[in-house]
PDB file of N, CA and C in Angstrom:
ATOM      1  N   MET A   1      -7.840  -7.647 -34.053  1.00  0.00           N
ATOM      2  CA  MET A   1      -8.598  -7.951 -35.253  1.00  0.00           C
ATOM      3  C   MET A   1      -9.778  -6.982 -35.379  1.00  0.00           C
ATOM      4  N   ALA A   2     -10.001  -6.507 -36.594  1.00  0.00           N
ATOM      5  CA  ALA A   2     -11.095  -5.572 -36.834  1.00  0.00           C
ATOM      6  C   ALA A   2     -12.433  -6.290 -36.714  1.00  0.00           C
ATOM      7  N   ALA A   3     -13.389  -5.598 -36.187  1.00  0.00           N
ATOM      8  CA  ALA A   3     -14.720  -6.181 -36.038  1.00  0.00           C
ATOM      9  C   ALA A   3     -15.509  -5.991 -37.325  1.00  0.00           C
ATOM     10  N   LEU A   4     -16.200  -7.050 -37.712  1.00  0.00           N
ATOM     11  CA  LEU A   4     -17.092  -6.976 -38.853  1.00  0.00           C
ATOM     12  C   LEU A   4     -18.506  -6.933 -38.307  1.00  0.00           C
ATOM     13  N   ALA A   5     -19.271  -5.961 -38.743  1.00  0.00           N
ATOM     14  CA  ALA A   5     -20.657  -5.863 -38.285  1.00  0.00           C
ATOM     15  C   ALA A   5     -21.530  -6.764 -39.152  1.00  0.00           C
ATOM     16  N   GLU A   6     -22.462  -7.434 -38.508  1.00  0.00           N
ATOM     17  CA  GLU A   6     -23.423  -8.269 -39.226  1.00  0.00           C
ATOM     18  C   GLU A   6     -24.671  -7.436 -39.483  1.00  0.00           C
ATOM     19  N   ALA A   7     -24.975  -7.239 -40.743  1.00  0.00           N
ATOM     20  CA  ALA A   7     -26.153  -6.462 -41.108  1.00  0.00           C
ATOM     21  C   ALA A   7     -27.355  -7.384 -41.253  1.00  0.00           C
ATOM     22  N   THR A   8     -28.509  -6.837 -40.952  1.00  0.00           N
ATOM     23  CA  THR A   8     -29.784  -7.509 -41.172  1.00  0.00           C
ATOM     24  C   THR A   8     -30.675  -6.538 -41.929  1.00  0.00           C
ATOM     25  N   LYS A   9     -31.803  -7.027 -42.386  1.00  0.00           N
ATOM     26  CA  LYS A   9     -32.727  -6.114 -43.069  1.00  0.00           C
ATOM     27  C   LYS A   9     -33.199  -5.023 -42.122  1.00  0.00           C
ATOM     28  N   GLU A  10     -33.218  -5.320 -40.816  1.00  0.00           N
ATOM     29  CA  GLU A  10     -33.679  -4.336 -39.837  1.00  0.00           C
ATOM     30  C   GLU A  10     -32.646  -3.253 -39.533  1.00  0.00           C
ATOM     31  N   ASN A  11     -31.350  -3.598 -39.521  1.00  0.00           N
ATOM     32  CA  ASN A  11     -30.348  -2.608 -39.114  1.00  0.00           C
ATOM     33  C   ASN A  11     -29.488  -2.076 -40.256  1.00  0.00           C
ATOM     34  N   PHE A  12     -29.740  -2.518 -41.476  1.00  0.00           N
ATOM     35  CA  PHE A  12     -28.885  -2.153 -42.603  1.00  0.00           C
ATOM     36  C   PHE A  12     -28.789  -0.640 -42.789  1.00  0.00           C
ATOM     37  N   GLU A  13     -29.927   0.014 -42.858  1.00  0.00           N
ATOM     38  CA  GLU A  13     -29.937   1.473 -43.098  1.00  0.00           C
ATOM     39  C   GLU A  13     -29.134   2.210 -42.029  1.00  0.00           C
ATOM     40  N   GLU A  14     -29.287   1.798 -40.793  1.00  0.00           N
ATOM     41  CA  GLU A  14     -28.553   2.441 -39.702  1.00  0.00           C
ATOM     42  C   GLU A  14     -27.045   2.227 -39.845  1.00  0.00           C
ATOM     43  N   LEU A  15     -26.645   1.007 -40.216  1.00  0.00           N
ATOM     44  CA  LEU A  15     -25.218   0.693 -40.326  1.00  0.00           C
ATOM     45  C   LEU A  15     -24.516   1.474 -41.430  1.00  0.00           C
ATOM     46  N   VAL A  16     -25.235   1.789 -42.504  1.00  0.00           N
ATOM     47  CA  VAL A  16     -24.593   2.499 -43.618  1.00  0.00           C
ATOM     48  C   VAL A  16     -24.850   4.004 -43.590  1.00  0.00           C
ATOM     49  N   SER A  17     -25.524   4.482 -42.565  1.00  0.00           N
ATOM     50  CA  SER A  17     -25.975   5.875 -42.557  1.00  0.00           C
ATOM     51  C   SER A  17     -24.882   6.913 -42.319  1.00  0.00           C
ATOM     52  N   GLU A  18     -23.779   6.532 -41.681  1.00  0.00           N
ATOM     53  CA  GLU A  18     -22.741   7.519 -41.362  1.00  0.00           C
ATOM     54  C   GLU A  18     -21.364   7.030 -41.760  1.00  0.00           C
ATOM     55  N   GLY A  19     -20.570   7.946 -42.302  1.00  0.00           N
ATOM     56  CA  GLY A  19     -19.193   7.634 -42.633  1.00  0.00           C
ATOM     57  C   GLY A  19     -19.081   6.776 -43.877  1.00  0.00           C
ATOM     58  N   VAL A  20     -17.904   6.161 -44.021  1.00  0.00           N
ATOM     59  CA  VAL A  20     -17.622   5.293 -45.162  1.00  0.00           C
ATOM     60  C   VAL A  20     -17.813   3.851 -44.713  1.00  0.00           C
ATOM     61  N   VAL A  21     -18.618   3.113 -45.482  1.00  0.00           N
ATOM     62  CA  VAL A  21     -18.965   1.743 -45.126  1.00  0.00           C
ATOM     63  C   VAL A  21     -18.767   0.845 -46.347  1.00  0.00           C
ATOM     64  N   LEU A  22     -18.059  -0.259 -46.161  1.00  0.00           N
ATOM     65  CA  LEU A  22     -17.916  -1.300 -47.177  1.00  0.00           C
ATOM     66  C   LEU A  22     -18.860  -2.420 -46.800  1.00  0.00           C
ATOM     67  N   VAL A  23     -19.746  -2.793 -47.727  1.00  0.00           N
ATOM     68  CA  VAL A  23     -20.716  -3.854 -47.469  1.00  0.00           C
ATOM     69  C   VAL A  23     -20.379  -5.060 -48.334  1.00  0.00           C
ATOM     70  N   ASP A  24     -20.235  -6.204 -47.685  1.00  0.00           N
ATOM     71  CA  ASP A  24     -20.020  -7.487 -48.356  1.00  0.00           C
ATOM     72  C   ASP A  24     -21.352  -8.220 -48.344  1.00  0.00           C
ATOM     73  N   VAL A  25     -21.977  -8.336 -49.516  1.00  0.00           N
ATOM     74  CA  VAL A  25     -23.235  -9.075 -49.630  1.00  0.00           C
ATOM     75  C   VAL A  25     -22.866 -10.478 -50.092  1.00  0.00           C
ATOM     76  N   TRP A  26     -23.175 -11.442 -49.257  1.00  0.00           N
ATOM     77  CA  TRP A  26     -22.695 -12.798 -49.495  1.00  0.00           C
ATOM     78  C   TRP A  26     -23.779 -13.827 -49.204  1.00  0.00           C
ATOM     79  N   GLY A  27     -23.482 -15.061 -49.541  1.00  0.00           N
ATOM     80  CA  GLY A  27     -24.385 -16.165 -49.238  1.00  0.00           C
ATOM     81  C   GLY A  27     -23.573 -17.388 -48.848  1.00  0.00           C
ATOM     82  N   PRO A  28     -24.061 -18.182 -47.919  1.00  0.00           N
ATOM     83  CA  PRO A  28     -23.319 -19.352 -47.462  1.00  0.00           C
ATOM     84  C   PRO A  28     -23.160 -20.428 -48.535  1.00  0.00           C
ATOM     85  N   ASP A  29     -24.010 -20.414 -49.552  1.00  0.00           N
ATOM     86  CA  ASP A  29     -23.906 -21.383 -50.641  1.00  0.00           C
ATOM     87  C   ASP A  29     -23.141 -20.841 -51.844  1.00  0.00           C
ATOM     88  N   CYS A  30     -22.628 -19.624 -51.724  1.00  0.00           N
ATOM     89  CA  CYS A  30     -21.873 -18.972 -52.803  1.00  0.00           C
ATOM     90  C   CYS A  30     -20.382 -19.240 -52.568  1.00  0.00           C
ATOM     91  N   LYS A  31     -19.804 -20.122 -53.392  1.00  0.00           N
ATOM     92  CA  LYS A  31     -18.397 -20.485 -53.193  1.00  0.00           C
ATOM     93  C   LYS A  31     -17.449 -19.294 -53.308  1.00  0.00           C
ATOM     94  N   PRO A  32     -17.622 -18.401 -54.302  1.00  0.00           N
ATOM     95  CA  PRO A  32     -16.739 -17.232 -54.343  1.00  0.00           C
ATOM     96  C   PRO A  32     -16.877 -16.360 -53.096  1.00  0.00           C
ATOM     97  N   CYS A  33     -18.100 -16.241 -52.575  1.00  0.00           N
ATOM     98  CA  CYS A  33     -18.328 -15.432 -51.367  1.00  0.00           C
ATOM     99  C   CYS A  33     -17.555 -15.996 -50.183  1.00  0.00           C
ATOM    100  N   VAL A  34     -17.682 -17.297 -49.994  1.00  0.00           N
ATOM    101  CA  VAL A  34     -17.014 -17.964 -48.874  1.00  0.00           C
ATOM    102  C   VAL A  34     -15.500 -17.867 -49.039  1.00  0.00           C
ATOM    103  N   ALA A  35     -15.017 -18.025 -50.271  1.00  0.00           N
ATOM    104  CA  ALA A  35     -13.578 -17.938 -50.517  1.00  0.00           C
ATOM    105  C   ALA A  35     -13.035 -16.543 -50.234  1.00  0.00           C
ATOM    106  N   LEU A  36     -13.853 -15.510 -50.435  1.00  0.00           N
ATOM    107  CA  LEU A  36     -13.400 -14.130 -50.211  1.00  0.00           C
ATOM    108  C   LEU A  36     -13.484 -13.700 -48.748  1.00  0.00           C
ATOM    109  N   ASN A  37     -14.175 -14.459 -47.900  1.00  0.00           N
ATOM    110  CA  ASN A  37     -14.347 -14.067 -46.495  1.00  0.00           C
ATOM    111  C   ASN A  37     -13.045 -13.706 -45.787  1.00  0.00           C
ATOM    112  N   PRO A  38     -11.986 -14.525 -45.876  1.00  0.00           N
ATOM    113  CA  PRO A  38     -10.740 -14.140 -45.181  1.00  0.00           C
ATOM    114  C   PRO A  38     -10.147 -12.832 -45.708  1.00  0.00           C
ATOM    115  N   HIS A  39     -10.353 -12.553 -46.974  1.00  0.00           N
ATOM    116  CA  HIS A  39      -9.824 -11.325 -47.567  1.00  0.00           C
ATOM    117  C   HIS A  39     -10.619 -10.106 -47.109  1.00  0.00           C
ATOM    118  N   VAL A  40     -11.907 -10.303 -46.892  1.00  0.00           N
ATOM    119  CA  VAL A  40     -12.735  -9.214 -46.357  1.00  0.00           C
ATOM    120  C   VAL A  40     -12.253  -8.866 -44.947  1.00  0.00           C
ATOM    121  N   GLU A  41     -11.914  -9.880 -44.164  1.00  0.00           N
ATOM    122  CA  GLU A  41     -11.384  -9.635 -42.816  1.00  0.00           C
ATOM    123  C   GLU A  41     -10.071  -8.856 -42.883  1.00  0.00           C
ATOM    124  N   LYS A  42      -9.214  -9.188 -43.841  1.00  0.00           N
ATOM    125  CA  LYS A  42      -7.944  -8.462 -44.004  1.00  0.00           C
ATOM    126  C   LYS A  42      -8.189  -7.009 -44.388  1.00  0.00           C
ATOM    127  N   ILE A  43      -9.168  -6.787 -45.259  1.00  0.00           N
ATOM    128  CA  ILE A  43      -9.497  -5.421 -45.660  1.00  0.00           C
ATOM    129  C   ILE A  43      -9.992  -4.633 -44.448  1.00  0.00           C
ATOM    130  N   ALA A  44     -10.797  -5.266 -43.610  1.00  0.00           N
ATOM    131  CA  ALA A  44     -11.293  -4.593 -42.404  1.00  0.00           C
ATOM    132  C   ALA A  44     -10.133  -4.184 -41.501  1.00  0.00           C
ATOM    133  N   GLU A  45      -9.119  -5.031 -41.407  1.00  0.00           N
ATOM    134  CA  GLU A  45      -7.941  -4.705 -40.591  1.00  0.00           C
ATOM    135  C   GLU A  45      -7.120  -3.597 -41.239  1.00  0.00           C
ATOM    136  N   GLN A  46      -7.058  -3.617 -42.557  1.00  0.00           N
ATOM    137  CA  GLN A  46      -6.258  -2.647 -43.308  1.00  0.00           C
ATOM    138  C   GLN A  46      -6.854  -1.238 -43.225  1.00  0.00           C
ATOM    139  N   TYR A  47      -8.168  -1.147 -43.133  1.00  0.00           N
ATOM    140  CA  TYR A  47      -8.859   0.135 -43.105  1.00  0.00           C
ATOM    141  C   TYR A  47      -9.671   0.254 -41.813  1.00  0.00           C
ATOM    142  N   PRO A  48      -9.012   0.487 -40.682  1.00  0.00           N
ATOM    143  CA  PRO A  48      -9.743   0.536 -39.409  1.00  0.00           C
ATOM    144  C   PRO A  48     -10.735   1.696 -39.307  1.00  0.00           C
ATOM    145  N   ASP A  49     -10.586   2.718 -40.162  1.00  0.00           N
ATOM    146  CA  ASP A  49     -11.504   3.852 -40.125  1.00  0.00           C
ATOM    147  C   ASP A  49     -12.738   3.637 -41.001  1.00  0.00           C
ATOM    148  N   VAL A  50     -12.809   2.493 -41.673  1.00  0.00           N
ATOM    149  CA  VAL A  50     -13.942   2.168 -42.534  1.00  0.00           C
ATOM    150  C   VAL A  50     -14.741   1.055 -41.861  1.00  0.00           C
ATOM    151  N   GLN A  51     -16.028   1.258 -41.731  1.00  0.00           N
ATOM    152  CA  GLN A  51     -16.911   0.228 -41.178  1.00  0.00           C
ATOM    153  C   GLN A  51     -17.098  -0.847 -42.250  1.00  0.00           C
ATOM    154  N   VAL A  52     -16.828  -2.097 -41.893  1.00  0.00           N
ATOM    155  CA  VAL A  52     -17.047  -3.208 -42.820  1.00  0.00           C
ATOM    156  C   VAL A  52     -18.235  -4.007 -42.315  1.00  0.00           C
ATOM    157  N   VAL A  53     -19.203  -4.193 -43.200  1.00  0.00           N
ATOM    158  CA  VAL A  53     -20.471  -4.818 -42.845  1.00  0.00           C
ATOM    159  C   VAL A  53     -20.704  -6.019 -43.751  1.00  0.00           C
ATOM    160  N   LYS A  54     -21.143  -7.113 -43.157  1.00  0.00           N
ATOM    161  CA  LYS A  54     -21.493  -8.302 -43.933  1.00  0.00           C
ATOM    162  C   LYS A  54     -23.008  -8.479 -43.895  1.00  0.00           C
ATOM    163  N   LEU A  55     -23.588  -8.626 -45.093  1.00  0.00           N
ATOM    164  CA  LEU A  55     -25.027  -8.832 -45.229  1.00  0.00           C
ATOM    165  C   LEU A  55     -25.252 -10.192 -45.886  1.00  0.00           C
ATOM    166  N   GLU A  56     -25.873 -11.097 -45.156  1.00  0.00           N
ATOM    167  CA  GLU A  56     -26.157 -12.424 -45.694  1.00  0.00           C
ATOM    168  C   GLU A  56     -27.412 -12.327 -46.562  1.00  0.00           C
ATOM    169  N   ALA A  57     -27.216 -12.409 -47.869  1.00  0.00           N
ATOM    170  CA  ALA A  57     -28.292 -12.173 -48.831  1.00  0.00           C
ATOM    171  C   ALA A  57     -29.532 -13.045 -48.613  1.00  0.00           C
ATOM    172  N   PRO A  58     -29.400 -14.355 -48.365  1.00  0.00           N
ATOM    173  CA  PRO A  58     -30.611 -15.161 -48.193  1.00  0.00           C
ATOM    174  C   PRO A  58     -31.490 -14.719 -47.018  1.00  0.00           C
ATOM    175  N   LYS A  59     -30.910 -14.061 -46.049  1.00  0.00           N
ATOM    176  CA  LYS A  59     -31.682 -13.583 -44.894  1.00  0.00           C
ATOM    177  C   LYS A  59     -32.268 -12.191 -45.127  1.00  0.00           C
ATOM    178  N   ALA A  60     -31.920 -11.575 -46.251  1.00  0.00           N
ATOM    179  CA  ALA A  60     -32.392 -10.217 -46.545  1.00  0.00           C
ATOM    180  C   ALA A  60     -32.773 -10.113 -48.024  1.00  0.00           C
ATOM    181  N   ARG A  61     -33.530 -11.074 -48.489  1.00  0.00           N
ATOM    182  CA  ARG A  61     -33.874 -11.143 -49.917  1.00  0.00           C
ATOM    183  C   ARG A  61     -34.568  -9.885 -50.426  1.00  0.00           C
ATOM    184  N   ARG A  62     -35.561  -9.401 -49.685  1.00  0.00           N
ATOM    185  CA  ARG A  62     -36.298  -8.217 -50.153  1.00  0.00           C
ATOM    186  C   ARG A  62     -35.386  -6.988 -50.238  1.00  0.00           C
ATOM    187  N   LEU A  63     -34.520  -6.829 -49.248  1.00  0.00           N
ATOM    188  CA  LEU A  63     -33.575  -5.714 -49.266  1.00  0.00           C
ATOM    189  C   LEU A  63     -32.674  -5.824 -50.492  1.00  0.00           C
ATOM    190  N   CYS A  64     -32.152  -7.014 -50.745  1.00  0.00           N
ATOM    191  CA  CYS A  64     -31.274  -7.211 -51.904  1.00  0.00           C
ATOM    192  C   CYS A  64     -32.016  -6.941 -53.208  1.00  0.00           C
ATOM    193  N   MET A  65     -33.261  -7.402 -53.295  1.00  0.00           N
ATOM    194  CA  MET A  65     -34.055  -7.157 -54.492  1.00  0.00           C
ATOM    195  C   MET A  65     -34.321  -5.669 -54.670  1.00  0.00           C
ATOM    196  N   SER A  66     -34.616  -4.971 -53.578  1.00  0.00           N
ATOM    197  CA  SER A  66     -34.900  -3.539 -53.672  1.00  0.00           C
ATOM    198  C   SER A  66     -33.667  -2.747 -54.106  1.00  0.00           C
ATOM    199  N   MET A  67     -32.487  -3.312 -53.817  1.00  0.00           N
ATOM    200  CA  MET A  67     -31.237  -2.660 -54.221  1.00  0.00           C
ATOM    201  C   MET A  67     -30.732  -3.187 -55.564  1.00  0.00           C
ATOM    202  N   LYS A  68     -31.564  -4.004 -56.213  1.00  0.00           N
ATOM    203  CA  LYS A  68     -31.266  -4.530 -57.547  1.00  0.00           C
ATOM    204  C   LYS A  68     -29.973  -5.341 -57.596  1.00  0.00           C
ATOM    205  N   MET A  69     -29.789  -6.186 -56.612  1.00  0.00           N
ATOM    206  CA  MET A  69     -28.650  -7.106 -56.608  1.00  0.00           C
ATOM    207  C   MET A  69     -29.096  -8.390 -57.276  1.00  0.00           C
ATOM    208  N   MET A  70     -28.421  -8.756 -58.346  1.00  0.00           N
ATOM    209  CA  MET A  70     -28.851  -9.898 -59.147  1.00  0.00           C
ATOM    210  C   MET A  70     -27.992 -11.143 -58.953  1.00  0.00           C
ATOM    211  N   GLY A  71     -26.829 -11.023 -58.383  1.00  0.00           N
ATOM    212  CA  GLY A  71     -25.949 -12.173 -58.199  1.00  0.00           C
ATOM    213  C   GLY A  71     -24.970 -11.893 -57.088  1.00  0.00           C
ATOM    214  N   LEU A  72     -24.278 -12.920 -56.681  1.00  0.00           N
ATOM    215  CA  LEU A  72     -23.295 -12.795 -55.610  1.00  0.00           C
ATOM    216  C   LEU A  72     -21.928 -13.217 -56.133  1.00  0.00           C
ATOM    217  N   PRO A  73     -20.879 -12.717 -55.528  1.00  0.00           N
ATOM    218  CA  PRO A  73     -20.820 -11.730 -54.455  1.00  0.00           C
ATOM    219  C   PRO A  73     -21.045 -10.308 -54.968  1.00  0.00           C
ATOM    220  N   VAL A  74     -21.483  -9.454 -54.052  1.00  0.00           N
ATOM    221  CA  VAL A  74     -21.649  -8.033 -54.336  1.00  0.00           C
ATOM    222  C   VAL A  74     -20.933  -7.261 -53.227  1.00  0.00           C
ATOM    223  N   PHE A  75     -20.184  -6.266 -53.601  1.00  0.00           N
ATOM    224  CA  PHE A  75     -19.556  -5.365 -52.642  1.00  0.00           C
ATOM    225  C   PHE A  75     -20.022  -3.954 -52.955  1.00  0.00           C
ATOM    226  N   LEU A  76     -20.394  -3.246 -51.901  1.00  0.00           N
ATOM    227  CA  LEU A  76     -20.909  -1.884 -52.030  1.00  0.00           C
ATOM    228  C   LEU A  76     -20.085  -0.954 -51.157  1.00  0.00           C
ATOM    229  N   VAL A  77     -19.934   0.273 -51.601  1.00  0.00           N
ATOM    230  CA  VAL A  77     -19.347   1.312 -50.759  1.00  0.00           C
ATOM    231  C   VAL A  77     -20.421   2.373 -50.557  1.00  0.00           C
ATOM    232  N   PHE A  78     -20.669   2.696 -49.294  1.00  0.00           N
ATOM    233  CA  PHE A  78     -21.610   3.747 -48.932  1.00  0.00           C
ATOM    234  C   PHE A  78     -20.835   4.886 -48.293  1.00  0.00           C
ATOM    235  N   LYS A  79     -21.307   6.087 -48.550  1.00  0.00           N
ATOM    236  CA  LYS A  79     -20.770   7.273 -47.872  1.00  0.00           C
ATOM    237  C   LYS A  79     -21.956   8.041 -47.338  1.00  0.00           C
ATOM    238  N   ASP A  80     -22.035   8.129 -46.023  1.00  0.00           N
ATOM    239  CA  ASP A  80     -23.122   8.845 -45.352  1.00  0.00           C
ATOM    240  C   ASP A  80     -24.497   8.420 -45.868  1.00  0.00           C
ATOM    241  N   GLY A  81     -24.687   7.109 -45.992  1.00  0.00           N
ATOM    242  CA  GLY A  81     -25.990   6.561 -46.361  1.00  0.00           C
ATOM    243  C   GLY A  81     -26.264   6.439 -47.845  1.00  0.00           C
ATOM    244  N   GLU A  82     -25.383   6.958 -48.686  1.00  0.00           N
ATOM    245  CA  GLU A  82     -25.578   6.896 -50.138  1.00  0.00           C
ATOM    246  C   GLU A  82     -24.616   5.893 -50.751  1.00  0.00           C
ATOM    247  N   GLU A  83     -25.140   5.011 -51.597  1.00  0.00           N
ATOM    248  CA  GLU A  83     -24.270   4.083 -52.311  1.00  0.00           C
ATOM    249  C   GLU A  83     -23.455   4.866 -53.328  1.00  0.00           C
ATOM    250  N   VAL A  84     -22.125   4.706 -53.281  1.00  0.00           N
ATOM    251  CA  VAL A  84     -21.252   5.432 -54.208  1.00  0.00           C
ATOM    252  C   VAL A  84     -20.490   4.502 -55.148  1.00  0.00           C
ATOM    253  N   ALA A  85     -20.477   3.195 -54.849  1.00  0.00           N
ATOM    254  CA  ALA A  85     -19.773   2.257 -55.725  1.00  0.00           C
ATOM    255  C   ALA A  85     -20.314   0.848 -55.493  1.00  0.00           C
ATOM    256  N   ARG A  86     -20.199   0.035 -56.556  1.00  0.00           N
ATOM    257  CA  ARG A  86     -20.680  -1.346 -56.477  1.00  0.00           C
ATOM    258  C   ARG A  86     -19.876  -2.214 -57.435  1.00  0.00           C
ATOM    259  N   ILE A  87     -19.586  -3.415 -57.006  1.00  0.00           N
ATOM    260  CA  ILE A  87     -19.007  -4.420 -57.890  1.00  0.00           C
ATOM    261  C   ILE A  87     -19.729  -5.731 -57.622  1.00  0.00           C
ATOM    262  N   SER A  88     -20.102  -6.405 -58.706  1.00  0.00           N
ATOM    263  CA  SER A  88     -20.759  -7.700 -58.626  1.00  0.00           C
ATOM    264  C   SER A  88     -20.118  -8.584 -59.681  1.00  0.00           C
ATOM    265  N   ASP A  89     -19.404  -9.618 -59.242  1.00  0.00           N
ATOM    266  CA  ASP A  89     -18.645 -10.432 -60.185  1.00  0.00           C
ATOM    267  C   ASP A  89     -18.431 -11.820 -59.596  1.00  0.00           C
ATOM    268  N   PRO A  90     -19.031 -12.859 -60.185  1.00  0.00           N
ATOM    269  CA  PRO A  90     -18.829 -14.206 -59.665  1.00  0.00           C
ATOM    270  C   PRO A  90     -17.396 -14.703 -59.851  1.00  0.00           C
ATOM    271  N   GLN A  91     -16.624 -14.016 -60.677  1.00  0.00           N
ATOM    272  CA  GLN A  91     -15.218 -14.385 -60.901  1.00  0.00           C
ATOM    273  C   GLN A  91     -14.262 -13.486 -60.102  1.00  0.00           C
ATOM    274  N   LEU A  92     -14.786 -12.771 -59.127  1.00  0.00           N
ATOM    275  CA  LEU A  92     -13.988 -11.830 -58.345  1.00  0.00           C
ATOM    276  C   LEU A  92     -12.882 -12.562 -57.590  1.00  0.00           C
ATOM    277  N   THR A  93     -11.662 -12.094 -57.776  1.00  0.00           N
ATOM    278  CA  THR A  93     -10.511 -12.679 -57.085  1.00  0.00           C
ATOM    279  C   THR A  93     -10.126 -11.769 -55.919  1.00  0.00           C
ATOM    280  N   PRO A  94      -9.376 -12.300 -54.965  1.00  0.00           N
ATOM    281  CA  PRO A  94      -8.913 -11.451 -53.859  1.00  0.00           C
ATOM    282  C   PRO A  94      -8.129 -10.227 -54.346  1.00  0.00           C
ATOM    283  N   ASP A  95      -7.268 -10.408 -55.344  1.00  0.00           N
ATOM    284  CA  ASP A  95      -6.483  -9.281 -55.857  1.00  0.00           C
ATOM    285  C   ASP A  95      -7.371  -8.232 -56.513  1.00  0.00           C
ATOM    286  N   LYS A  96      -8.344  -8.690 -57.295  1.00  0.00           N
ATOM    287  CA  LYS A  96      -9.260  -7.761 -57.957  1.00  0.00           C
ATOM    288  C   LYS A  96     -10.103  -7.018 -56.922  1.00  0.00           C
ATOM    289  N   LEU A  97     -10.549  -7.733 -55.898  1.00  0.00           N
ATOM    290  CA  LEU A  97     -11.316  -7.100 -54.824  1.00  0.00           C
ATOM    291  C   LEU A  97     -10.476  -6.046 -54.121  1.00  0.00           C
ATOM    292  N   GLN A  98      -9.235  -6.385 -53.779  1.00  0.00           N
ATOM    293  CA  GLN A  98      -8.354  -5.448 -53.080  1.00  0.00           C
ATOM    294  C   GLN A  98      -8.130  -4.190 -53.908  1.00  0.00           C
ATOM    295  N   THR A  99      -7.870  -4.371 -55.198  1.00  0.00           N
ATOM    296  CA  THR A  99      -7.651  -3.216 -56.082  1.00  0.00           C
ATOM    297  C   THR A  99      -8.893  -2.344 -56.136  1.00  0.00           C
ATOM    298  N   TRP A 100     -10.058  -2.976 -56.283  1.00  0.00           N
ATOM    299  CA  TRP A 100     -11.313  -2.221 -56.354  1.00  0.00           C
ATOM    300  C   TRP A 100     -11.554  -1.448 -55.058  1.00  0.00           C
ATOM    301  N   VAL A 101     -11.381  -2.113 -53.922  1.00  0.00           N
ATOM    302  CA  VAL A 101     -11.593  -1.451 -52.620  1.00  0.00           C
ATOM    303  C   VAL A 101     -10.631  -0.284 -52.468  1.00  0.00           C
ATOM    304  N   ASP A 102      -9.355  -0.503 -52.770  1.00  0.00           N
ATOM    305  CA  ASP A 102      -8.366   0.571 -52.660  1.00  0.00           C
ATOM    306  C   ASP A 102      -8.776   1.782 -53.506  1.00  0.00           C
ATOM    307  N   GLU A 103      -9.188   1.517 -54.752  1.00  0.00           N
ATOM    308  CA  GLU A 103      -9.576   2.615 -55.651  1.00  0.00           C
ATOM    309  C   GLU A 103     -10.804   3.355 -55.133  1.00  0.00           C
ATOM    310  N   GLN A 104     -11.798   2.608 -54.683  1.00  0.00           N
ATOM    311  CA  GLN A 104     -13.039   3.246 -54.227  1.00  0.00           C
ATOM    312  C   GLN A 104     -12.813   4.059 -52.959  1.00  0.00           C
ATOM    313  N   LEU A 105     -12.061   3.501 -52.023  1.00  0.00           N
ATOM    314  CA  LEU A 105     -11.828   4.227 -50.770  1.00  0.00           C
ATOM    315  C   LEU A 105     -10.950   5.449 -50.997  1.00  0.00           C
ATOM    316  N   GLU A 106     -10.004   5.346 -51.919  1.00  0.00           N
ATOM    317  CA  GLU A 106      -9.185   6.511 -52.252  1.00  0.00           C
ATOM    318  C   GLU A 106     -10.062   7.605 -52.854  1.00  0.00           C
ATOM    319  N   SER A 107     -10.982   7.220 -53.711  1.00  0.00           N
ATOM    320  CA  SER A 107     -11.893   8.177 -54.337  1.00  0.00           C
ATOM    321  C   SER A 107     -12.778   8.850 -53.291  1.00  0.00           C
ATOM    322  N   VAL A 108     -13.348   8.059 -52.407  1.00  0.00           N
ATOM    323  CA  VAL A 108     -14.227   8.599 -51.367  1.00  0.00           C
ATOM    324  C   VAL A 108     -13.437   9.499 -50.415  1.00  0.00           C
ATOM    325  N   ARG A 109     -12.244   9.068 -50.071  1.00  0.00           N
ATOM    326  CA  ARG A 109     -11.422   9.871 -49.161  1.00  0.00           C
ATOM    327  C   ARG A 109     -10.956  11.144 -49.836  1.00  0.00           C
ATOM    328  N   GLY A 110     -10.833  11.124 -51.153  1.00  0.00           N
ATOM    329  CA  GLY A 110     -10.446  12.338 -51.877  1.00  0.00           C
ATOM    330  C   GLY A 110     -11.495  13.418 -51.734  1.00  0.00           C
ATOM    331  N   GLU A 111     -12.771  12.983 -51.609  1.00  0.00           N
ATOM    332  CA  GLU A 111     -13.870  13.925 -51.451  1.00  0.00           C
ATOM    333  C   GLU A 111     -13.949  14.429 -50.015  1.00  0.00           C
ATOM    334  N   VAL A 112     -13.690  13.530 -49.055  1.00  0.00           N
ATOM    335  CA  VAL A 112     -13.771  13.887 -47.647  1.00  0.00           C
ATOM    336  C   VAL A 112     -12.476  13.451 -46.987  1.00  0.00           C
ATOM    337  N   LYS A 113     -11.681  14.375 -46.597  1.00  0.00           N
ATOM    338  CA  LYS A 113     -10.401  14.044 -45.960  1.00  0.00           C
ATOM    339  C   LYS A 113     -10.661  13.535 -44.551  1.00  0.00           C
ATOM    340  N   ASN A 114     -10.612  12.212 -44.413  1.00  0.00           N
ATOM    341  CA  ASN A 114     -10.827  11.605 -43.080  1.00  0.00           C
ATOM    342  C   ASN A 114      -9.542  11.551 -42.321  1.00  0.00           C
TER     343      ASN A 114
END
């Protein structure tokens, strides 16, 4: 099983600083977030060369505010420390998430052949 890194406000910058990173910004009281958790684990297994990071929004409110996150769930793709893609949709389905992740990672990999 692929390991999911737990991000905090203290280690977030370090976790996204190198390579391709998918960040799942979630909250324990967010039903869509909780429902998507098993699918995030599957994505981590599907893309072993991509670091998958989970950031619990209530524990990192200032970080989320500084990144202009207004609702949950939010998924971000970082490449070498720079945010390159974002989706925020309370109606996000597992299929829609999978399609979005596939498209974003294909785009990022097109720029850098990993």
